[in-house]
Structures are given as structure tokens and as C-alpha cells.
Amino acid sequence: MKIKALILYMFIRFYTKLCKVEIKYEQPIGYEPSIFAFWHEIILFLPLAHDKKRRMDILISTHKDGLLASYTIKCFGLGTIGGSSHRNPQKAFMEMLKTIKDGVSVGITPDGPKGPRRKIKKGVVELAYLSKKPIYPVIGKFSSCYKLNSWDRFIIPKPFSRITFTYKKPIYVSKKSEFDEKIKELEEALNESGCS
């Protein structure tokens, strides 16, 4: 599995040399622990947008594909947290909360690992509420791409395409009564991701 992950890591590194990758910020982001949310469909090349000065763990499912993703992500210098909304959700949630309190940011695909596509599960806003940390929506825009016939319509940029990752303005959750409103706000921000 680790060899496969290394091969995938090297492929991503090589493949992106055929594309133009740009990273944008709607406002400056410091290095305080935060929550970064992004749709499952854009995760393949998203590690390229990671600032290596920021410590971050990504929530990854513990099934077979998740293990491959976990090993690959570690090649990019990111950590992982095992679990999902389907496998050990409470354990994964508590580990994320502890990770943030230990000063490490957390990355989440709030529609993963199996969908429904582009529908946010409330765990991400609950985590923001309990940790008192902001959620930064991260979107990916691709000038040209292939879309797999998978539940998430997984995106693979075409060679020589332009890839733009944008860190949107933070979303804060201060009250439980705001959960539905903040889920809608986060979905609207993340839905800017896509392929031209």
C-alpha cells in the first residue's frame, strides 16, 4: 500500500507540472488551528494548495481506498485522522476536537466519504461550534477536466489546464441555533468549485 501511495504521490507531482496551479486567499490566513472544508470531488490535487508551515491533519475513512489516500497525503507532509460519518464517527469527532485543541488544523470533506454529493453533514459546523475555531471553505476551479462516473463526480484536471484553489473567508459558528444557516452558507461557498 505504501508503494502504491508513493507512486500516486509522484504521479500527482509530475502531472501538475503539465498544469498551471494557482493559490488564492480572500483574506490573509494565519497559523492558528482552524477547520478547512472542501468537497470530496477536488481532493486529488488539493494537497498542492497546502501551506507546509501549517500543521494539518485530514479526516480520512479507514476503508481500503482511505488507507491509500492516507499514505499519499502523508507524502505531502500532512497528517491524518482515521474515521468518517459511517465508521467510528464519534471517535473521529473527538479526535478532531483534540487535534484542534493541541494546535493542529483539521481538513474535512463534509460530503464524504460516500455522499450524498455536495451535501454537508452537520459534524463540521458542530466541530466549529465546540472548538470556537473558524471554518475556511476551500474551493477548486479547473479550466478543463475529466469527471469520473463516481458518486462525487471526481475531478481530474486535463493536461495543460489551469487549476485555481481559493481559500474563502472564514465562517464562525457561535450558537447551536445557527447550524442550519451556517451549513447553507458553507454549501454556497463550496459550490463555487467546479470545472469550466
C-alpha atoms as a PDB file:
ATOM      1  CA  MET A   1       0.000   0.000   0.000  1.00  0.00           C
ATOM      2  CA  LYS A   2       2.817   2.407   0.857  1.00  0.00           C
ATOM      3  CA  ILE A   3       4.484   1.747  -2.507  1.00  0.00           C
ATOM      4  CA  LYS A   4       1.197   2.472  -4.306  1.00  0.00           C
ATOM      5  CA  ALA A   5       0.874   5.682  -2.317  1.00  0.00           C
ATOM      6  CA  LEU A   6       4.401   6.757  -3.255  1.00  0.00           C
ATOM      7  CA  ILE A   7       3.666   6.063  -6.927  1.00  0.00           C
ATOM      8  CA  LEU A   8       0.428   8.097  -6.706  1.00  0.00           C
ATOM      9  CA  TYR A   9       2.281  10.939  -4.971  1.00  0.00           C
ATOM     10  CA  MET A  10       4.943  11.004  -7.683  1.00  0.00           C
ATOM     11  CA  PHE A  11       2.250  10.888 -10.387  1.00  0.00           C
ATOM     12  CA  ILE A  12       0.435  13.898  -8.877  1.00  0.00           C
ATOM     13  CA  ARG A  13       3.712  15.811  -8.629  1.00  0.00           C
ATOM     14  CA  PHE A  14       4.603  15.026 -12.252  1.00  0.00           C
ATOM     15  CA  TYR A  15       1.099  15.577 -13.612  1.00  0.00           C
ATOM     16  CA  THR A  16       0.774  19.036 -12.092  1.00  0.00           C
ATOM     17  CA  LYS A  17       3.900  20.149 -13.932  1.00  0.00           C
ATOM     18  CA  LEU A  18       1.687  19.892 -17.027  1.00  0.00           C
ATOM     19  CA  CYS A  19      -0.845  22.282 -15.459  1.00  0.00           C
ATOM     20  CA  LYS A  20      -0.776  25.812 -14.135  1.00  0.00           C
ATOM     21  CA  VAL A  21      -1.580  25.788 -10.411  1.00  0.00           C
ATOM     22  CA  GLU A  22      -2.555  28.996  -8.619  1.00  0.00           C
ATOM     23  CA  ILE A  23      -3.447  29.520  -4.954  1.00  0.00           C
ATOM     24  CA  LYS A  24      -5.533  32.499  -3.794  1.00  0.00           C
ATOM     25  CA  TYR A  25      -6.697  33.840  -0.439  1.00  0.00           C
ATOM     26  CA  GLU A  26      -9.756  36.074   0.002  1.00  0.00           C
ATOM     27  CA  GLN A  27      -8.099  37.342   3.162  1.00  0.00           C
ATOM     28  CA  PRO A  28      -4.842  36.543   4.959  1.00  0.00           C
ATOM     29  CA  ILE A  29      -4.832  33.335   6.993  1.00  0.00           C
ATOM     30  CA  GLY A  30      -2.583  32.941   9.997  1.00  0.00           C
ATOM     31  CA  TYR A  31      -1.331  29.732  11.541  1.00  0.00           C
ATOM     32  CA  GLU A  32      -3.790  29.375  14.402  1.00  0.00           C
ATOM     33  CA  PRO A  33      -5.584  25.997  14.329  1.00  0.00           C
ATOM     34  CA  SER A  34      -8.632  26.149  12.068  1.00  0.00           C
ATOM     35  CA  ILE A  35     -11.013  23.896  10.137  1.00  0.00           C
ATOM     36  CA  PHE A  36     -10.643  23.622   6.364  1.00  0.00           C
ATOM     37  CA  ALA A  37     -13.593  22.237   4.391  1.00  0.00           C
ATOM     38  CA  PHE A  38     -13.646  21.137   0.744  1.00  0.00           C
ATOM     39  CA  TRP A  39     -15.766  18.893  -1.466  1.00  0.00           C
ATOM     40  CA  HIS A  40     -14.651  15.297  -1.908  1.00  0.00           C
ATOM     41  CA  GLU A  41     -14.516  15.724  -5.705  1.00  0.00           C
ATOM     42  CA  ILE A  42     -11.471  18.056  -5.638  1.00  0.00           C
ATOM     43  CA  ILE A  43      -9.211  16.264  -3.148  1.00  0.00           C
ATOM     44  CA  LEU A  44      -6.778  14.621  -5.594  1.00  0.00           C
ATOM     45  CA  PHE A  45      -4.649  17.724  -6.190  1.00  0.00           C
ATOM     46  CA  LEU A  46      -5.682  19.721  -3.125  1.00  0.00           C
ATOM     47  CA  PRO A  47      -2.507  18.878  -1.123  1.00  0.00           C
ATOM     48  CA  LEU A  48      -0.689  21.171  -3.568  1.00  0.00           C
ATOM     49  CA  ALA A  49      -2.562  24.093  -2.020  1.00  0.00           C
ATOM     50  CA  HIS A  50      -1.342  23.285   1.486  1.00  0.00           C
ATOM     51  CA  ASP A  51       0.988  25.736   3.204  1.00  0.00           C
ATOM     52  CA  LYS A  52       3.682  23.498   4.698  1.00  0.00           C
ATOM     53  CA  LYS A  53       4.142  25.914   7.593  1.00  0.00           C
ATOM     54  CA  ARG A  54       0.645  24.993   8.790  1.00  0.00           C
ATOM     55  CA  ARG A  55       0.276  21.727  10.695  1.00  0.00           C
ATOM     56  CA  MET A  56      -2.823  19.939   9.487  1.00  0.00           C
ATOM     57  CA  ASP A  57      -4.491  16.547   9.843  1.00  0.00           C
ATOM     58  CA  ILE A  58      -7.050  15.369   7.280  1.00  0.00           C
ATOM     59  CA  LEU A  59     -10.058  13.221   8.200  1.00  0.00           C
ATOM     60  CA  ILE A  60      -9.771  10.053   6.097  1.00  0.00           C
ATOM     61  CA  SER A  61     -12.006   6.980   6.014  1.00  0.00           C
ATOM     62  CA  THR A  62     -10.444   3.760   7.281  1.00  0.00           C
ATOM     63  CA  HIS A  63     -11.593   1.618   4.333  1.00  0.00           C
ATOM     64  CA  LYS A  64      -9.100   0.380   1.709  1.00  0.00           C
ATOM     65  CA  ASP A  65      -9.256   3.463  -0.552  1.00  0.00           C
ATOM     66  CA  GLY A  66      -8.965   5.644   2.522  1.00  0.00           C
ATOM     67  CA  LEU A  67      -5.748   3.912   3.565  1.00  0.00           C
ATOM     68  CA  LEU A  68      -4.223   4.606   0.149  1.00  0.00           C
ATOM     69  CA  ALA A  69      -5.284   8.251   0.435  1.00  0.00           C
ATOM     70  CA  SER A  70      -3.866   8.412   3.959  1.00  0.00           C
ATOM     71  CA  TYR A  71      -0.422   7.180   2.922  1.00  0.00           C
ATOM     72  CA  THR A  72      -0.421   9.509  -0.103  1.00  0.00           C
ATOM     73  CA  ILE A  73      -1.386  12.535   1.986  1.00  0.00           C
ATOM     74  CA  LYS A  74       1.462  11.803   4.373  1.00  0.00           C
ATOM     75  CA  CYS A  75       3.884  12.048   1.431  1.00  0.00           C
ATOM     76  CA  PHE A  76       2.766  15.683   1.153  1.00  0.00           C
ATOM     77  CA  GLY A  77       3.621  16.316   4.794  1.00  0.00           C
ATOM     78  CA  LEU A  78       0.043  16.179   6.090  1.00  0.00           C
ATOM     79  CA  GLY A  79      -1.238  14.094   8.979  1.00  0.00           C
ATOM     80  CA  THR A  80      -4.417  12.024   9.057  1.00  0.00           C
ATOM     81  CA  ILE A  81      -7.276  11.164  11.379  1.00  0.00           C
ATOM     82  CA  GLY A  82      -8.991   7.829  10.765  1.00  0.00           C
ATOM     83  CA  GLY A  83     -12.773   7.741  10.691  1.00  0.00           C
ATOM     84  CA  SER A  84     -15.855   9.064   8.894  1.00  0.00           C
ATOM     85  CA  SER A  85     -19.594   9.611   9.261  1.00  0.00           C
ATOM     86  CA  HIS A  86     -20.008   5.861   8.598  1.00  0.00           C
ATOM     87  CA  ARG A  87     -17.087   4.429  10.586  1.00  0.00           C
ATOM     88  CA  ASN A  88     -16.399   5.391  14.205  1.00  0.00           C
ATOM     89  CA  PRO A  89     -17.947   8.881  13.784  1.00  0.00           C
ATOM     90  CA  GLN A  90     -17.896   9.777  17.485  1.00  0.00           C
ATOM     91  CA  LYS A  91     -14.293   8.634  17.927  1.00  0.00           C
ATOM     92  CA  ALA A  92     -13.181  10.580  14.839  1.00  0.00           C
ATOM     93  CA  PHE A  93     -15.053  13.682  16.013  1.00  0.00           C
ATOM     94  CA  MET A  94     -13.419  13.626  19.441  1.00  0.00           C
ATOM     95  CA  GLU A  95     -10.010  13.109  17.870  1.00  0.00           C
ATOM     96  CA  MET A  96     -10.546  16.122  15.604  1.00  0.00           C
ATOM     97  CA  LEU A  97     -11.579  18.234  18.569  1.00  0.00           C
ATOM     98  CA  LYS A  98      -8.475  17.146  20.485  1.00  0.00           C
ATOM     99  CA  THR A  99      -6.278  17.795  17.432  1.00  0.00           C
ATOM    100  CA  ILE A 100      -7.527  21.384  17.192  1.00  0.00           C
ATOM    101  CA  LYS A 101      -7.049  21.954  20.930  1.00  0.00           C
ATOM    102  CA  ASP A 102      -3.488  20.653  20.508  1.00  0.00           C
ATOM    103  CA  GLY A 103      -2.837  23.436  17.995  1.00  0.00           C
ATOM    104  CA  VAL A 104      -3.204  21.491  14.742  1.00  0.00           C
ATOM    105  CA  SER A 105      -5.653  22.412  11.962  1.00  0.00           C
ATOM    106  CA  VAL A 106      -8.125  19.883  10.579  1.00  0.00           C
ATOM    107  CA  GLY A 107      -9.224  19.251   6.985  1.00  0.00           C
ATOM    108  CA  ILE A 108     -12.648  17.738   6.233  1.00  0.00           C
ATOM    109  CA  THR A 109     -14.662  16.687   3.187  1.00  0.00           C
ATOM    110  CA  PRO A 110     -18.117  17.352   4.678  1.00  0.00           C
ATOM    111  CA  ASP A 111     -19.877  15.343   1.943  1.00  0.00           C
ATOM    112  CA  GLY A 112     -17.528  12.350   2.203  1.00  0.00           C
ATOM    113  CA  PRO A 113     -16.724   9.565   2.173  1.00  0.00           C
ATOM    114  CA  LYS A 114     -19.796   8.346   0.267  1.00  0.00           C
ATOM    115  CA  GLY A 115     -22.101  11.324  -0.146  1.00  0.00           C
ATOM    116  CA  PRO A 116     -24.661  12.481  -0.887  1.00  0.00           C
ATOM    117  CA  ARG A 117     -22.625  14.684  -3.203  1.00  0.00           C
ATOM    118  CA  ARG A 118     -22.293  18.323  -2.122  1.00  0.00           C
ATOM    119  CA  LYS A 119     -24.487  17.849   0.940  1.00  0.00           C
ATOM    120  CA  ILE A 120     -22.899  18.886   4.214  1.00  0.00           C
ATOM    121  CA  LYS A 121     -23.188  16.738   7.301  1.00  0.00           C
ATOM    122  CA  LYS A 122     -23.567  18.800  10.457  1.00  0.00           C
ATOM    123  CA  GLY A 123     -20.365  17.480  12.062  1.00  0.00           C
ATOM    124  CA  VAL A 124     -18.228  20.225  10.539  1.00  0.00           C
ATOM    125  CA  VAL A 125     -20.332  23.066  11.998  1.00  0.00           C
ATOM    126  CA  GLU A 126     -20.619  21.253  15.321  1.00  0.00           C
ATOM    127  CA  LEU A 127     -16.822  20.992  15.389  1.00  0.00           C
ATOM    128  CA  ALA A 128     -16.515  24.737  14.701  1.00  0.00           C
ATOM    129  CA  TYR A 129     -19.013  25.495  17.452  1.00  0.00           C
ATOM    130  CA  LEU A 130     -17.317  23.356  20.114  1.00  0.00           C
ATOM    131  CA  SER A 131     -13.751  24.313  19.195  1.00  0.00           C
ATOM    132  CA  LYS A 132     -14.586  28.012  18.692  1.00  0.00           C
ATOM    133  CA  LYS A 133     -12.451  27.933  15.552  1.00  0.00           C
ATOM    134  CA  PRO A 134     -13.368  29.180  12.057  1.00  0.00           C
ATOM    135  CA  ILE A 135     -14.193  27.073   9.036  1.00  0.00           C
ATOM    136  CA  TYR A 136     -12.320  28.092   5.887  1.00  0.00           C
ATOM    137  CA  PRO A 137     -14.074  26.869   2.723  1.00  0.00           C
ATOM    138  CA  VAL A 138     -11.510  25.799   0.116  1.00  0.00           C
ATOM    139  CA  ILE A 139     -12.678  25.684  -3.496  1.00  0.00           C
ATOM    140  CA  GLY A 140     -11.062  24.337  -6.639  1.00  0.00           C
ATOM    141  CA  LYS A 141     -11.720  25.661 -10.135  1.00  0.00           C
ATOM    142  CA  PHE A 142     -10.465  23.842 -13.218  1.00  0.00           C
ATOM    143  CA  SER A 143     -10.345  25.320 -16.719  1.00  0.00           C
ATOM    144  CA  SER A 144     -10.737  21.839 -18.209  1.00  0.00           C
ATOM    145  CA  CYS A 145     -11.201  18.433 -16.625  1.00  0.00           C
ATOM    146  CA  TYR A 146     -12.396  14.847 -16.730  1.00  0.00           C
ATOM    147  CA  LYS A 147     -15.216  13.828 -14.379  1.00  0.00           C
ATOM    148  CA  LEU A 148     -15.358  10.239 -13.214  1.00  0.00           C
ATOM    149  CA  ASN A 149     -18.637   8.363 -13.074  1.00  0.00           C
ATOM    150  CA  SER A 150     -18.480   8.131  -9.282  1.00  0.00           C
ATOM    151  CA  TRP A 151     -20.841   9.330  -6.558  1.00  0.00           C
ATOM    152  CA  ASP A 152     -18.862  12.571  -6.179  1.00  0.00           C
ATOM    153  CA  ARG A 153     -18.191  13.181  -9.911  1.00  0.00           C
ATOM    154  CA  PHE A 154     -14.496  13.115  -9.011  1.00  0.00           C
ATOM    155  CA  ILE A 155     -12.474  15.731 -10.900  1.00  0.00           C
ATOM    156  CA  ILE A 156      -9.195  15.107 -12.726  1.00  0.00           C
ATOM    157  CA  PRO A 157      -7.824  18.200 -14.465  1.00  0.00           C
ATOM    158  CA  LYS A 158      -6.807  17.749 -18.084  1.00  0.00           C
ATOM    159  CA  PRO A 159      -3.145  18.269 -19.035  1.00  0.00           C
ATOM    160  CA  PHE A 160      -2.251  21.928 -19.625  1.00  0.00           C
ATOM    161  CA  SER A 161      -5.346  23.129 -17.777  1.00  0.00           C
ATOM    162  CA  ARG A 162      -5.430  25.873 -15.153  1.00  0.00           C
ATOM    163  CA  ILE A 163      -6.090  24.847 -11.547  1.00  0.00           C
ATOM    164  CA  THR A 164      -7.039  27.538  -9.044  1.00  0.00           C
ATOM    165  CA  PHE A 165      -7.511  26.814  -5.352  1.00  0.00           C
ATOM    166  CA  THR A 166      -9.087  29.606  -3.313  1.00  0.00           C
ATOM    167  CA  TYR A 167      -9.306  29.914   0.459  1.00  0.00           C
ATOM    168  CA  LYS A 168     -12.595  31.708   1.117  1.00  0.00           C
ATOM    169  CA  LYS A 169     -13.459  33.988   4.030  1.00  0.00           C
ATOM    170  CA  PRO A 170     -13.890  32.197   7.367  1.00  0.00           C
ATOM    171  CA  ILE A 171     -17.229  31.063   8.735  1.00  0.00           C
ATOM    172  CA  TYR A 172     -17.730  31.204  12.508  1.00  0.00           C
ATOM    173  CA  VAL A 173     -20.360  29.236  14.428  1.00  0.00           C
ATOM    174  CA  SER A 174     -21.162  30.809  17.783  1.00  0.00           C
ATOM    175  CA  LYS A 175     -24.569  29.249  18.591  1.00  0.00           C
ATOM    176  CA  LYS A 176     -26.294  25.914  18.008  1.00  0.00           C
ATOM    177  CA  SER A 177     -29.259  27.780  16.577  1.00  0.00           C
ATOM    178  CA  GLU A 178     -27.002  28.874  13.697  1.00  0.00           C
ATOM    179  CA  PHE A 179     -26.193  25.352  12.479  1.00  0.00           C
ATOM    180  CA  ASP A 180     -28.662  25.264   9.573  1.00  0.00           C
ATOM    181  CA  GLU A 181     -27.762  28.797   8.486  1.00  0.00           C
ATOM    182  CA  LYS A 182     -24.029  28.064   8.582  1.00  0.00           C
ATOM    183  CA  ILE A 183     -24.447  24.769   6.693  1.00  0.00           C
ATOM    184  CA  LYS A 184     -26.215  26.671   3.924  1.00  0.00           C
ATOM    185  CA  GLU A 185     -23.523  29.369   3.920  1.00  0.00           C
ATOM    186  CA  LEU A 186     -20.759  26.754   3.723  1.00  0.00           C
ATOM    187  CA  GLU A 187     -22.502  24.843   0.923  1.00  0.00           C
ATOM    188  CA  GLU A 188     -22.907  28.042  -1.100  1.00  0.00           C
ATOM    189  CA  ALA A 189     -19.221  28.832  -0.720  1.00  0.00           C
ATOM    190  CA  LEU A 190     -18.040  25.316  -1.592  1.00  0.00           C
ATOM    191  CA  ASN A 191     -20.371  25.117  -4.600  1.00  0.00           C
ATOM    192  CA  GLU A 192     -18.147  27.614  -6.354  1.00  0.00           C
ATOM    193  CA  SER A 193     -15.844  24.660  -7.001  1.00  0.00           C
ATOM    194  CA  GLY A 194     -16.127  23.167 -10.443  1.00  0.00           C
ATOM    195  CA  CYS A 195     -14.881  22.703 -13.956  1.00  0.00           C
ATOM    196  CA  SER A 196     -15.422  25.144 -16.821  1.00  0.00           C
END
